[in-house]
Amino acid sequence: MKATIKDVAVKANVSVATVSRVVNELDGYSEETKERVLEAIKELGYQRNAIARGLVTKSTNTIGVLIPIVSAYFYAEVLNGIEDRANKHGYGIFLCNTGVNGVRAESYIKMLGERQVDAIIIVSLAMTEEYYYLLNSLKIPYILVSTLSYKYKIPYIKVDDQQAAYTATQYLIENGHKKIALISGYREDKIAGMPRINGYMNALQDYDLEVTERLIKYGDFTYDSGLRCMEELLKEKDKFTAIFATSDEMAMAALSVMHKNKIEVPEDISIIGYDNTLIAQMSNPPLTTIAQPLHEMGEKAMERILDMLETGKSGDNIILPHKVIERDTVKLLKE
């Protein structure tokens, strides 16, 4: 009789979940435990039988991924992380472009259920009651990436957006800027829009600086909305020395508008972005920005899904660190 994962767990004196983590190369165990598990696997001749596992669990070895805008650099980085980890473990990805505000999300969730995917990873989508009950009806694991639900207990992986926005604004303030404009996402967006706005406002208030509503413009994190926001800012009578743009794409758009209007960056106006996508390095001048570990987000989401499939447990939520990546778009002002 072939050895099972339970046989390995008994021989190594660990839990089935620990064996699963070692087999899937996840973290959460000591080197000594790893060696014990690997030795038990070797002695028992244990092998993961993907075909047999599929027959028993009706597994298709596919993971559904819901993403609002496939073409955006942010989502491309997250998706690369998911795919790298999925491919390593023999899983394929079924990618669904839900559109801004998730206009196609409900129909895609139903379709993923019909395709019998093993699990679903949901990126930057606000959880509604309809989505929640529809996802639960599928009876498969799912996880949120770069989003969370305050109402429902759903596992998530993200950065603390409010704190990261505070860090970005604080960086500008500590470089001597007192009049700081904001190019923001949706005001109504509770997941990324409002937290980043609040982080910006909290930083200004903590440093006893005025929050000027006319210097806050609302976009949707895309390049086109960034163009519009920057053009609106330049029409305002209130002058400013710096801008915090809550996505790199909107920051790039602002740079383009400033170049068109012969505004030198950072000599005339400084700017900091958010995400640290590839375009931040490619911009001219290279963009100072807040780094989210996007590839790692994707990897950890897939790792957590693998763990959930093996153990049936969702585990703890993960808040990943952010940091300022200093490049050439913020000028130090002399007092």
C-alpha atoms as a PDB file:
ATOM      1  CA  MET A   1       0.000   0.000   0.000  1.00  0.00           C
ATOM      2  CA  LYS A   2       1.313   3.450  -0.932  1.00  0.00           C
ATOM      3  CA  ALA A   3       2.228   5.797   1.872  1.00  0.00           C
ATOM      4  CA  THR A   4      -0.132   8.707   2.526  1.00  0.00           C
ATOM      5  CA  ILE A   5       0.540  12.191   3.813  1.00  0.00           C
ATOM      6  CA  LYS A   6      -0.860  11.031   7.170  1.00  0.00           C
ATOM      7  CA  ASP A   7       1.723   8.228   7.299  1.00  0.00           C
ATOM      8  CA  VAL A   8       4.472  10.795   6.758  1.00  0.00           C
ATOM      9  CA  ALA A   9       3.054  13.042   9.490  1.00  0.00           C
ATOM     10  CA  VAL A  10       2.956  10.163  12.001  1.00  0.00           C
ATOM     11  CA  LYS A  11       6.502   9.005  11.225  1.00  0.00           C
ATOM     12  CA  ALA A  12       7.913  12.559  11.411  1.00  0.00           C
ATOM     13  CA  ASN A  13       5.811  13.319  14.523  1.00  0.00           C
ATOM     14  CA  VAL A  14       4.324  16.473  12.975  1.00  0.00           C
ATOM     15  CA  SER A  15       0.898  17.544  11.728  1.00  0.00           C
ATOM     16  CA  VAL A  16      -0.444  16.845   8.245  1.00  0.00           C
ATOM     17  CA  ALA A  17      -0.421  20.615   7.685  1.00  0.00           C
ATOM     18  CA  THR A  18       3.317  20.766   8.395  1.00  0.00           C
ATOM     19  CA  VAL A  19       4.019  17.943   5.928  1.00  0.00           C
ATOM     20  CA  SER A  20       1.944  19.837   3.364  1.00  0.00           C
ATOM     21  CA  ARG A  21       3.939  23.014   3.922  1.00  0.00           C
ATOM     22  CA  VAL A  22       7.244  21.199   3.523  1.00  0.00           C
ATOM     23  CA  VAL A  23       6.064  19.410   0.359  1.00  0.00           C
ATOM     24  CA  ASN A  24       4.786  22.702  -1.120  1.00  0.00           C
ATOM     25  CA  GLU A  25       7.929  24.599  -0.047  1.00  0.00           C
ATOM     26  CA  LEU A  26       5.987  27.055   2.095  1.00  0.00           C
ATOM     27  CA  ASP A  27       7.342  28.604   5.294  1.00  0.00           C
ATOM     28  CA  GLY A  28       6.330  28.103   8.931  1.00  0.00           C
ATOM     29  CA  TYR A  29       8.633  25.338  10.223  1.00  0.00           C
ATOM     30  CA  SER A  30      12.196  24.867  11.455  1.00  0.00           C
ATOM     31  CA  GLU A  31      15.058  23.405   9.475  1.00  0.00           C
ATOM     32  CA  GLU A  32      15.099  20.440  11.861  1.00  0.00           C
ATOM     33  CA  THR A  33      11.396  19.778  11.209  1.00  0.00           C
ATOM     34  CA  LYS A  34      11.970  20.030   7.461  1.00  0.00           C
ATOM     35  CA  GLU A  35      14.773  17.459   7.595  1.00  0.00           C
ATOM     36  CA  ARG A  36      12.610  15.102   9.680  1.00  0.00           C
ATOM     37  CA  VAL A  37       9.726  15.334   7.213  1.00  0.00           C
ATOM     38  CA  LEU A  38      11.980  14.851   4.179  1.00  0.00           C
ATOM     39  CA  GLU A  39      13.590  11.815   5.819  1.00  0.00           C
ATOM     40  CA  ALA A  40      10.136  10.312   6.520  1.00  0.00           C
ATOM     41  CA  ILE A  41       9.092  10.960   2.903  1.00  0.00           C
ATOM     42  CA  LYS A  42      12.260   9.216   1.693  1.00  0.00           C
ATOM     43  CA  GLU A  43      11.859   6.213   3.993  1.00  0.00           C
ATOM     44  CA  LEU A  44       8.168   5.720   3.189  1.00  0.00           C
ATOM     45  CA  GLY A  45       8.530   6.466  -0.516  1.00  0.00           C
ATOM     46  CA  TYR A  46       5.686   8.991  -0.323  1.00  0.00           C
ATOM     47  CA  GLN A  47       4.732  10.732  -3.579  1.00  0.00           C
ATOM     48  CA  ARG A  48       1.983  13.216  -4.312  1.00  0.00           C
ATOM     49  CA  ASN A  49      -0.210  11.555  -6.900  1.00  0.00           C
ATOM     50  CA  ALA A  50      -1.825  14.406  -8.778  1.00  0.00           C
ATOM     51  CA  ILE A  51      -4.112  12.132 -10.821  1.00  0.00           C
ATOM     52  CA  ALA A  52      -5.370  10.196  -7.804  1.00  0.00           C
ATOM     53  CA  ARG A  53      -5.807  13.435  -5.871  1.00  0.00           C
ATOM     54  CA  GLY A  54      -7.854  14.828  -8.728  1.00  0.00           C
ATOM     55  CA  LEU A  55     -10.168  11.812  -8.819  1.00  0.00           C
ATOM     56  CA  VAL A  56     -10.807  11.969  -5.089  1.00  0.00           C
ATOM     57  CA  THR A  57     -11.168  15.742  -4.763  1.00  0.00           C
ATOM     58  CA  LYS A  58     -12.479  16.485  -8.260  1.00  0.00           C
ATOM     59  CA  SER A  59      -9.500  18.824  -8.563  1.00  0.00           C
ATOM     60  CA  THR A  60      -8.870  20.517 -11.914  1.00  0.00           C
ATOM     61  CA  ASN A  61      -5.512  21.980 -10.837  1.00  0.00           C
ATOM     62  CA  THR A  62      -6.713  25.414 -11.923  1.00  0.00           C
ATOM     63  CA  ILE A  63      -7.034  28.614  -9.890  1.00  0.00           C
ATOM     64  CA  GLY A  64      -9.396  31.419 -10.862  1.00  0.00           C
ATOM     65  CA  VAL A  65      -7.957  34.940 -10.573  1.00  0.00           C
ATOM     66  CA  LEU A  66     -10.238  37.990 -10.614  1.00  0.00           C
ATOM     67  CA  ILE A  67      -8.405  41.195 -11.619  1.00  0.00           C
ATOM     68  CA  PRO A  68      -9.989  44.592 -12.475  1.00  0.00           C
ATOM     69  CA  ILE A  69      -7.615  45.683 -15.280  1.00  0.00           C
ATOM     70  CA  VAL A  70      -5.321  43.083 -16.797  1.00  0.00           C
ATOM     71  CA  SER A  71      -3.224  45.664 -18.668  1.00  0.00           C
ATOM     72  CA  ALA A  72      -2.286  47.740 -15.586  1.00  0.00           C
ATOM     73  CA  TYR A  73       1.310  47.387 -14.357  1.00  0.00           C
ATOM     74  CA  PHE A  74       0.147  46.893 -10.749  1.00  0.00           C
ATOM     75  CA  TYR A  75      -1.953  43.852 -11.580  1.00  0.00           C
ATOM     76  CA  ALA A  76       0.661  42.439 -13.937  1.00  0.00           C
ATOM     77  CA  GLU A  77       3.182  42.305 -11.085  1.00  0.00           C
ATOM     78  CA  VAL A  78       0.718  40.596  -8.722  1.00  0.00           C
ATOM     79  CA  LEU A  79      -0.311  38.144 -11.445  1.00  0.00           C
ATOM     80  CA  ASN A  80       3.318  37.259 -12.176  1.00  0.00           C
ATOM     81  CA  GLY A  81       3.763  36.322  -8.521  1.00  0.00           C
ATOM     82  CA  ILE A  82       0.639  34.143  -8.581  1.00  0.00           C
ATOM     83  CA  GLU A  83       1.639  32.420 -11.818  1.00  0.00           C
ATOM     84  CA  ASP A  84       5.238  31.780 -10.746  1.00  0.00           C
ATOM     85  CA  ARG A  85       4.109  29.967  -7.611  1.00  0.00           C
ATOM     86  CA  ALA A  86       1.184  28.207  -9.301  1.00  0.00           C
ATOM     87  CA  ASN A  87       3.335  26.887 -12.135  1.00  0.00           C
ATOM     88  CA  LYS A  88       5.873  25.542  -9.672  1.00  0.00           C
ATOM     89  CA  HIS A  89       3.176  23.372  -8.107  1.00  0.00           C
ATOM     90  CA  GLY A  90       1.489  22.225 -11.295  1.00  0.00           C
ATOM     91  CA  TYR A  91      -1.470  24.613 -11.270  1.00  0.00           C
ATOM     92  CA  GLY A  92      -2.833  26.652 -14.144  1.00  0.00           C
ATOM     93  CA  ILE A  93      -4.445  30.087 -13.935  1.00  0.00           C
ATOM     94  CA  PHE A  94      -7.877  31.059 -15.263  1.00  0.00           C
ATOM     95  CA  LEU A  95      -7.684  34.858 -15.551  1.00  0.00           C
ATOM     96  CA  CYS A  96     -10.840  36.987 -15.404  1.00  0.00           C
ATOM     97  CA  ASN A  97     -10.826  40.727 -16.178  1.00  0.00           C
ATOM     98  CA  THR A  98     -13.688  42.031 -14.015  1.00  0.00           C
ATOM     99  CA  GLY A  99     -13.362  45.650 -15.178  1.00  0.00           C
ATOM    100  CA  VAL A 100     -13.189  48.769 -13.010  1.00  0.00           C
ATOM    101  CA  ASN A 101     -15.633  48.511 -10.073  1.00  0.00           C
ATOM    102  CA  GLY A 102     -16.053  44.791 -10.770  1.00  0.00           C
ATOM    103  CA  VAL A 103     -18.777  45.196 -13.397  1.00  0.00           C
ATOM    104  CA  ARG A 104     -18.231  41.621 -14.637  1.00  0.00           C
ATOM    105  CA  ALA A 105     -17.255  40.036 -11.318  1.00  0.00           C
ATOM    106  CA  GLU A 106     -20.527  38.251 -10.566  1.00  0.00           C
ATOM    107  CA  SER A 107     -20.762  36.576 -13.966  1.00  0.00           C
ATOM    108  CA  TYR A 108     -17.103  35.519 -13.766  1.00  0.00           C
ATOM    109  CA  ILE A 109     -17.535  33.993 -10.312  1.00  0.00           C
ATOM    110  CA  LYS A 110     -20.433  31.921 -11.664  1.00  0.00           C
ATOM    111  CA  MET A 111     -18.339  30.868 -14.658  1.00  0.00           C
ATOM    112  CA  LEU A 112     -15.399  29.845 -12.452  1.00  0.00           C
ATOM    113  CA  GLY A 113     -17.798  27.675 -10.483  1.00  0.00           C
ATOM    114  CA  GLU A 114     -18.971  26.017 -13.697  1.00  0.00           C
ATOM    115  CA  ARG A 115     -15.344  25.445 -14.713  1.00  0.00           C
ATOM    116  CA  GLN A 116     -14.782  23.767 -11.324  1.00  0.00           C
ATOM    117  CA  VAL A 117     -11.643  25.691 -10.424  1.00  0.00           C
ATOM    118  CA  ASP A 118     -10.012  24.554  -7.186  1.00  0.00           C
ATOM    119  CA  ALA A 119      -9.853  28.027  -5.617  1.00  0.00           C
ATOM    120  CA  ILE A 120     -10.175  31.733  -6.396  1.00  0.00           C
ATOM    121  CA  ILE A 121      -7.790  34.653  -5.794  1.00  0.00           C
ATOM    122  CA  ILE A 122      -9.534  38.037  -5.798  1.00  0.00           C
ATOM    123  CA  VAL A 123      -7.390  41.120  -6.450  1.00  0.00           C
ATOM    124  CA  SER A 124      -8.509  44.683  -5.560  1.00  0.00           C
ATOM    125  CA  LEU A 125     -12.218  43.913  -5.602  1.00  0.00           C
ATOM    126  CA  ALA A 126     -14.535  45.303  -2.917  1.00  0.00           C
ATOM    127  CA  MET A 127     -16.546  42.455  -1.411  1.00  0.00           C
ATOM    128  CA  THR A 128     -20.317  42.839  -1.796  1.00  0.00           C
ATOM    129  CA  GLU A 129     -23.011  40.698  -0.224  1.00  0.00           C
ATOM    130  CA  GLU A 130     -23.752  39.172  -3.661  1.00  0.00           C
ATOM    131  CA  TYR A 131     -20.116  38.198  -4.249  1.00  0.00           C
ATOM    132  CA  TYR A 132     -19.756  36.824  -0.725  1.00  0.00           C
ATOM    133  CA  TYR A 133     -22.717  34.464  -0.845  1.00  0.00           C
ATOM    134  CA  LEU A 134     -21.955  33.446  -4.424  1.00  0.00           C
ATOM    135  CA  LEU A 135     -18.344  32.586  -3.532  1.00  0.00           C
ATOM    136  CA  ASN A 136     -19.414  30.620  -0.466  1.00  0.00           C
ATOM    137  CA  SER A 137     -21.921  28.651  -2.549  1.00  0.00           C
ATOM    138  CA  LEU A 138     -19.005  27.280  -4.608  1.00  0.00           C
ATOM    139  CA  LYS A 139     -17.549  25.638  -1.472  1.00  0.00           C
ATOM    140  CA  ILE A 140     -13.944  26.239  -2.517  1.00  0.00           C
ATOM    141  CA  PRO A 141     -11.180  28.326  -0.856  1.00  0.00           C
ATOM    142  CA  TYR A 142     -10.757  31.960  -1.825  1.00  0.00           C
ATOM    143  CA  ILE A 143      -8.526  34.806  -0.685  1.00  0.00           C
ATOM    144  CA  LEU A 144      -8.361  38.587  -1.145  1.00  0.00           C
ATOM    145  CA  VAL A 145      -5.240  40.387  -2.391  1.00  0.00           C
ATOM    146  CA  SER A 146      -4.717  44.151  -1.990  1.00  0.00           C
ATOM    147  CA  THR A 147      -8.231  44.410  -0.587  1.00  0.00           C
ATOM    148  CA  LEU A 148     -10.147  43.335   2.503  1.00  0.00           C
ATOM    149  CA  SER A 149     -13.663  43.062   3.856  1.00  0.00           C
ATOM    150  CA  TYR A 150     -14.612  44.750   7.119  1.00  0.00           C
ATOM    151  CA  LYS A 151     -18.007  43.015   7.122  1.00  0.00           C
ATOM    152  CA  TYR A 152     -17.044  39.432   6.285  1.00  0.00           C
ATOM    153  CA  LYS A 153     -14.280  37.259   7.702  1.00  0.00           C
ATOM    154  CA  ILE A 154     -12.263  36.546   4.543  1.00  0.00           C
ATOM    155  CA  PRO A 155      -8.486  35.923   4.513  1.00  0.00           C
ATOM    156  CA  TYR A 156      -6.471  38.699   2.884  1.00  0.00           C
ATOM    157  CA  ILE A 157      -2.957  39.793   1.936  1.00  0.00           C
ATOM    158  CA  LYS A 158      -2.235  43.508   1.538  1.00  0.00           C
ATOM    159  CA  VAL A 159      -0.239  46.546   2.563  1.00  0.00           C
ATOM    160  CA  ASP A 160      -1.611  48.978   5.169  1.00  0.00           C
ATOM    161  CA  ASP A 161      -2.743  51.604   2.630  1.00  0.00           C
ATOM    162  CA  GLN A 162      -3.465  54.319   5.160  1.00  0.00           C
ATOM    163  CA  GLN A 163      -0.068  54.001   6.805  1.00  0.00           C
ATOM    164  CA  ALA A 164       1.689  53.808   3.422  1.00  0.00           C
ATOM    165  CA  ALA A 165      -0.049  57.006   2.264  1.00  0.00           C
ATOM    166  CA  TYR A 166       0.940  58.651   5.548  1.00  0.00           C
ATOM    167  CA  THR A 167       4.561  57.611   4.883  1.00  0.00           C
ATOM    168  CA  ALA A 168       4.464  59.119   1.377  1.00  0.00           C
ATOM    169  CA  THR A 169       3.067  62.445   2.611  1.00  0.00           C
ATOM    170  CA  GLN A 170       5.417  62.493   5.583  1.00  0.00           C
ATOM    171  CA  TYR A 171       8.368  62.009   3.224  1.00  0.00           C
ATOM    172  CA  LEU A 172       7.365  65.121   1.268  1.00  0.00           C
ATOM    173  CA  ILE A 173       6.846  67.101   4.477  1.00  0.00           C
ATOM    174  CA  GLU A 174      10.233  66.075   5.853  1.00  0.00           C
ATOM    175  CA  ASN A 175      11.764  67.276   2.588  1.00  0.00           C
ATOM    176  CA  GLY A 176      10.432  70.742   3.373  1.00  0.00           C
ATOM    177  CA  HIS A 177       7.125  70.726   1.448  1.00  0.00           C
ATOM    178  CA  LYS A 178       4.149  72.383   3.124  1.00  0.00           C
ATOM    179  CA  LYS A 179       1.719  72.780   0.233  1.00  0.00           C
ATOM    180  CA  ILE A 180       1.103  69.237  -0.999  1.00  0.00           C
ATOM    181  CA  ALA A 181      -1.523  68.306  -3.586  1.00  0.00           C
ATOM    182  CA  LEU A 182      -3.146  64.873  -3.808  1.00  0.00           C
ATOM    183  CA  ILE A 183      -4.071  62.933  -6.940  1.00  0.00           C
ATOM    184  CA  SER A 184      -6.270  60.243  -5.479  1.00  0.00           C
ATOM    185  CA  GLY A 185      -8.342  57.234  -6.406  1.00  0.00           C
ATOM    186  CA  TYR A 186     -12.103  57.095  -5.915  1.00  0.00           C
ATOM    187  CA  ARG A 187     -13.308  59.020  -2.866  1.00  0.00           C
ATOM    188  CA  GLU A 188     -15.971  56.319  -2.303  1.00  0.00           C
ATOM    189  CA  ASP A 189     -13.498  53.437  -2.562  1.00  0.00           C
ATOM    190  CA  LYS A 190     -13.199  52.054   0.990  1.00  0.00           C
ATOM    191  CA  ILE A 191     -10.405  49.642   0.062  1.00  0.00           C
ATOM    192  CA  ALA A 192      -7.688  51.860  -1.450  1.00  0.00           C
ATOM    193  CA  GLY A 193      -9.263  55.270  -2.111  1.00  0.00           C
ATOM    194  CA  MET A 194     -10.379  56.393   1.352  1.00  0.00           C
ATOM    195  CA  PRO A 195      -7.456  54.862   3.306  1.00  0.00           C
ATOM    196  CA  ARG A 196      -4.888  56.662   1.139  1.00  0.00           C
ATOM    197  CA  ILE A 197      -6.809  59.930   1.372  1.00  0.00           C
ATOM    198  CA  ASN A 198      -6.988  59.533   5.168  1.00  0.00           C
ATOM    199  CA  GLY A 199      -3.266  58.778   5.380  1.00  0.00           C
ATOM    200  CA  TYR A 200      -2.500  61.961   3.423  1.00  0.00           C
ATOM    201  CA  MET A 201      -4.805  64.075   5.583  1.00  0.00           C
ATOM    202  CA  ASN A 202      -3.549  62.571   8.846  1.00  0.00           C
ATOM    203  CA  ALA A 203       0.049  63.365   7.944  1.00  0.00           C
ATOM    204  CA  LEU A 204      -0.785  66.994   7.116  1.00  0.00           C
ATOM    205  CA  GLN A 205      -2.756  67.379  10.351  1.00  0.00           C
ATOM    206  CA  ASP A 206      -0.026  65.766  12.481  1.00  0.00           C
ATOM    207  CA  TYR A 207       2.476  68.286  11.097  1.00  0.00           C
ATOM    208  CA  ASP A 208       0.033  71.193  11.596  1.00  0.00           C
ATOM    209  CA  LEU A 209      -0.355  71.781   7.861  1.00  0.00           C
ATOM    210  CA  GLU A 210      -3.588  72.888   6.195  1.00  0.00           C
ATOM    211  CA  VAL A 211      -5.711  70.381   4.245  1.00  0.00           C
ATOM    212  CA  THR A 212      -6.823  72.280   1.124  1.00  0.00           C
ATOM    213  CA  GLU A 213      -9.760  70.543  -0.566  1.00  0.00           C
ATOM    214  CA  ARG A 214      -9.053  72.307  -3.876  1.00  0.00           C
ATOM    215  CA  LEU A 215      -5.688  70.539  -3.996  1.00  0.00           C
ATOM    216  CA  ILE A 216      -7.304  67.072  -3.818  1.00  0.00           C
ATOM    217  CA  LYS A 217      -8.350  65.615  -7.187  1.00  0.00           C
ATOM    218  CA  TYR A 218     -10.085  62.288  -7.620  1.00  0.00           C
ATOM    219  CA  GLY A 219      -9.231  59.793 -10.352  1.00  0.00           C
ATOM    220  CA  ASP A 220      -9.435  56.006 -10.620  1.00  0.00           C
ATOM    221  CA  PHE A 221      -5.724  55.023 -10.395  1.00  0.00           C
ATOM    222  CA  THR A 222      -5.410  54.958 -14.220  1.00  0.00           C
ATOM    223  CA  TYR A 223      -3.147  57.028 -16.475  1.00  0.00           C
ATOM    224  CA  ASP A 224      -6.067  58.815 -18.174  1.00  0.00           C
ATOM    225  CA  SER A 225      -7.557  59.928 -14.872  1.00  0.00           C
ATOM    226  CA  GLY A 226      -4.120  61.147 -13.793  1.00  0.00           C
ATOM    227  CA  LEU A 227      -3.944  63.397 -16.863  1.00  0.00           C
ATOM    228  CA  ARG A 228      -7.299  64.939 -15.991  1.00  0.00           C
ATOM    229  CA  CYS A 229      -6.414  65.413 -12.312  1.00  0.00           C
ATOM    230  CA  MET A 230      -3.093  67.105 -13.063  1.00  0.00           C
ATOM    231  CA  GLU A 231      -4.679  69.461 -15.583  1.00  0.00           C
ATOM    232  CA  GLU A 232      -7.283  70.398 -12.960  1.00  0.00           C
ATOM    233  CA  LEU A 233      -4.583  71.047 -10.356  1.00  0.00           C
ATOM    234  CA  LEU A 234      -2.741  73.429 -12.672  1.00  0.00           C
ATOM    235  CA  LYS A 235      -5.933  75.488 -13.049  1.00  0.00           C
ATOM    236  CA  GLU A 236      -6.235  76.039  -9.283  1.00  0.00           C
ATOM    237  CA  LYS A 237      -5.204  79.360  -7.782  1.00  0.00           C
ATOM    238  CA  ASP A 238      -3.638  77.598  -4.791  1.00  0.00           C
ATOM    239  CA  LYS A 239       0.039  76.993  -5.460  1.00  0.00           C
ATOM    240  CA  PHE A 240       1.763  73.820  -4.310  1.00  0.00           C
ATOM    241  CA  THR A 241       5.331  72.522  -4.329  1.00  0.00           C
ATOM    242  CA  ALA A 242       4.654  68.772  -4.240  1.00  0.00           C
ATOM    243  CA  ILE A 243       2.151  66.085  -5.249  1.00  0.00           C
ATOM    244  CA  PHE A 244       1.332  62.704  -3.808  1.00  0.00           C
ATOM    245  CA  ALA A 245      -0.202  60.515  -6.541  1.00  0.00           C
ATOM    246  CA  THR A 246      -1.783  57.347  -5.159  1.00  0.00           C
ATOM    247  CA  SER A 247      -0.697  55.159  -8.090  1.00  0.00           C
ATOM    248  CA  ASP A 248       2.395  55.169 -10.281  1.00  0.00           C
ATOM    249  CA  GLU A 249       0.240  55.387 -13.418  1.00  0.00           C
ATOM    250  CA  MET A 250      -1.399  58.607 -12.204  1.00  0.00           C
ATOM    251  CA  ALA A 251       2.031  59.935 -11.205  1.00  0.00           C
ATOM    252  CA  MET A 252       3.329  59.185 -14.704  1.00  0.00           C
ATOM    253  CA  ALA A 253       0.379  61.059 -16.178  1.00  0.00           C
ATOM    254  CA  ALA A 254       1.132  64.034 -13.934  1.00  0.00           C
ATOM    255  CA  LEU A 255       4.755  64.004 -15.112  1.00  0.00           C
ATOM    256  CA  SER A 256       3.544  64.040 -18.708  1.00  0.00           C
ATOM    257  CA  VAL A 257       1.275  67.051 -18.124  1.00  0.00           C
ATOM    258  CA  MET A 258       4.044  68.925 -16.314  1.00  0.00           C
ATOM    259  CA  HIS A 259       6.480  68.239 -19.148  1.00  0.00           C
ATOM    260  CA  LYS A 260       3.916  69.519 -21.640  1.00  0.00           C
ATOM    261  CA  ASN A 261       3.534  72.702 -19.587  1.00  0.00           C
ATOM    262  CA  LYS A 262       7.320  73.129 -19.234  1.00  0.00           C
ATOM    263  CA  ILE A 263       7.212  72.506 -15.477  1.00  0.00           C
ATOM    264  CA  GLU A 264      10.519  71.045 -14.285  1.00  0.00           C
ATOM    265  CA  VAL A 265      10.453  68.052 -11.923  1.00  0.00           C
ATOM    266  CA  PRO A 266      11.602  68.239  -9.177  1.00  0.00           C
ATOM    267  CA  GLU A 267      12.932  71.811  -9.531  1.00  0.00           C
ATOM    268  CA  ASP A 268       9.456  73.380  -9.816  1.00  0.00           C
ATOM    269  CA  ILE A 269       7.187  70.636  -8.431  1.00  0.00           C
ATOM    270  CA  SER A 270       8.098  67.406  -6.632  1.00  0.00           C
ATOM    271  CA  ILE A 271       6.046  64.207  -6.915  1.00  0.00           C
ATOM    272  CA  ILE A 272       5.877  60.831  -5.193  1.00  0.00           C
ATOM    273  CA  GLY A 273       3.944  57.843  -6.537  1.00  0.00           C
ATOM    274  CA  TYR A 274       2.571  54.633  -5.068  1.00  0.00           C
ATOM    275  CA  ASP A 275       3.207  50.956  -5.990  1.00  0.00           C
ATOM    276  CA  ASN A 276       6.799  50.907  -7.353  1.00  0.00           C
ATOM    277  CA  THR A 277       5.782  49.283 -10.621  1.00  0.00           C
ATOM    278  CA  LEU A 278       8.219  48.984 -13.526  1.00  0.00           C
ATOM    279  CA  ILE A 279       7.115  52.309 -15.009  1.00  0.00           C
ATOM    280  CA  ALA A 280       8.398  54.123 -11.909  1.00  0.00           C
ATOM    281  CA  GLN A 281      11.939  53.092 -12.900  1.00  0.00           C
ATOM    282  CA  MET A 282      11.339  53.862 -16.593  1.00  0.00           C
ATOM    283  CA  SER A 283       9.966  57.378 -16.137  1.00  0.00           C
ATOM    284  CA  ASN A 284      11.968  60.513 -16.877  1.00  0.00           C
ATOM    285  CA  PRO A 285      13.052  61.483 -14.298  1.00  0.00           C
ATOM    286  CA  PRO A 286      12.831  58.147 -12.410  1.00  0.00           C
ATOM    287  CA  LEU A 287       9.894  58.299 -10.000  1.00  0.00           C
ATOM    288  CA  THR A 288      10.241  58.358  -6.226  1.00  0.00           C
ATOM    289  CA  THR A 289       7.459  56.119  -4.961  1.00  0.00           C
ATOM    290  CA  ILE A 290       6.041  53.933  -2.215  1.00  0.00           C
ATOM    291  CA  ALA A 291       6.900  50.285  -2.829  1.00  0.00           C
ATOM    292  CA  GLN A 292       4.344  47.569  -2.353  1.00  0.00           C
ATOM    293  CA  PRO A 293       5.830  44.042  -2.644  1.00  0.00           C
ATOM    294  CA  LEU A 294       3.491  43.198  -5.524  1.00  0.00           C
ATOM    295  CA  HIS A 295       5.189  40.028  -6.759  1.00  0.00           C
ATOM    296  CA  GLU A 296       5.413  38.767  -3.178  1.00  0.00           C
ATOM    297  CA  MET A 297       1.705  39.481  -2.677  1.00  0.00           C
ATOM    298  CA  GLY A 298       0.913  37.206  -5.596  1.00  0.00           C
ATOM    299  CA  GLU A 299       3.291  34.501  -4.405  1.00  0.00           C
ATOM    300  CA  LYS A 300       1.942  34.522  -0.861  1.00  0.00           C
ATOM    301  CA  ALA A 301      -1.650  34.444  -2.111  1.00  0.00           C
ATOM    302  CA  MET A 302      -0.926  31.292  -4.094  1.00  0.00           C
ATOM    303  CA  GLU A 303       0.996  29.769  -1.171  1.00  0.00           C
ATOM    304  CA  ARG A 304      -1.950  30.419   1.133  1.00  0.00           C
ATOM    305  CA  ILE A 305      -4.374  28.884  -1.374  1.00  0.00           C
ATOM    306  CA  LEU A 306      -2.223  25.731  -1.581  1.00  0.00           C
ATOM    307  CA  ASP A 307      -2.227  25.544   2.205  1.00  0.00           C
ATOM    308  CA  MET A 308      -6.007  26.000   2.343  1.00  0.00           C
ATOM    309  CA  LEU A 309      -6.512  23.252  -0.227  1.00  0.00           C
ATOM    310  CA  GLU A 310      -4.358  20.857   1.804  1.00  0.00           C
ATOM    311  CA  THR A 311      -5.572  21.692   5.313  1.00  0.00           C
ATOM    312  CA  GLY A 312      -8.979  23.328   4.924  1.00  0.00           C
ATOM    313  CA  LYS A 313      -7.823  26.196   7.168  1.00  0.00           C
ATOM    314  CA  SER A 314      -7.508  29.826   6.058  1.00  0.00           C
ATOM    315  CA  GLY A 315      -4.750  30.898   8.448  1.00  0.00           C
ATOM    316  CA  ASP A 316      -3.926  34.445   9.532  1.00  0.00           C
ATOM    317  CA  ASN A 317      -4.253  37.592   7.441  1.00  0.00           C
ATOM    318  CA  ILE A 318      -0.988  39.041   6.131  1.00  0.00           C
ATOM    319  CA  ILE A 319       0.004  42.725   6.180  1.00  0.00           C
ATOM    320  CA  LEU A 320       3.134  43.194   4.079  1.00  0.00           C
ATOM    321  CA  PRO A 321       5.651  46.033   4.629  1.00  0.00           C
ATOM    322  CA  HIS A 322       5.935  49.149   2.459  1.00  0.00           C
ATOM    323  CA  LYS A 323       8.858  51.521   1.998  1.00  0.00           C
ATOM    324  CA  VAL A 324       9.901  54.690   0.177  1.00  0.00           C
ATOM    325  CA  ILE A 325      11.988  54.110  -2.936  1.00  0.00           C
ATOM    326  CA  GLU A 326      14.012  57.299  -3.424  1.00  0.00           C
ATOM    327  CA  ARG A 327      14.733  58.271  -7.005  1.00  0.00           C
ATOM    328  CA  ASP A 328      14.778  61.717  -8.673  1.00  0.00           C
ATOM    329  CA  THR A 329      11.362  63.376  -8.410  1.00  0.00           C
ATOM    330  CA  VAL A 330      11.440  64.904  -4.910  1.00  0.00           C
ATOM    331  CA  LYS A 331      13.446  68.048  -4.166  1.00  0.00           C
ATOM    332  CA  LEU A 332      14.707  68.934  -0.704  1.00  0.00           C
ATOM    333  CA  LEU A 333      13.495  72.472   0.015  1.00  0.00           C
ATOM    334  CA  LYS A 334      15.657  74.709   2.172  1.00  0.00           C
ATOM    335  CA  GLU A 335      13.995  76.193   5.207  1.00  0.00           C
END
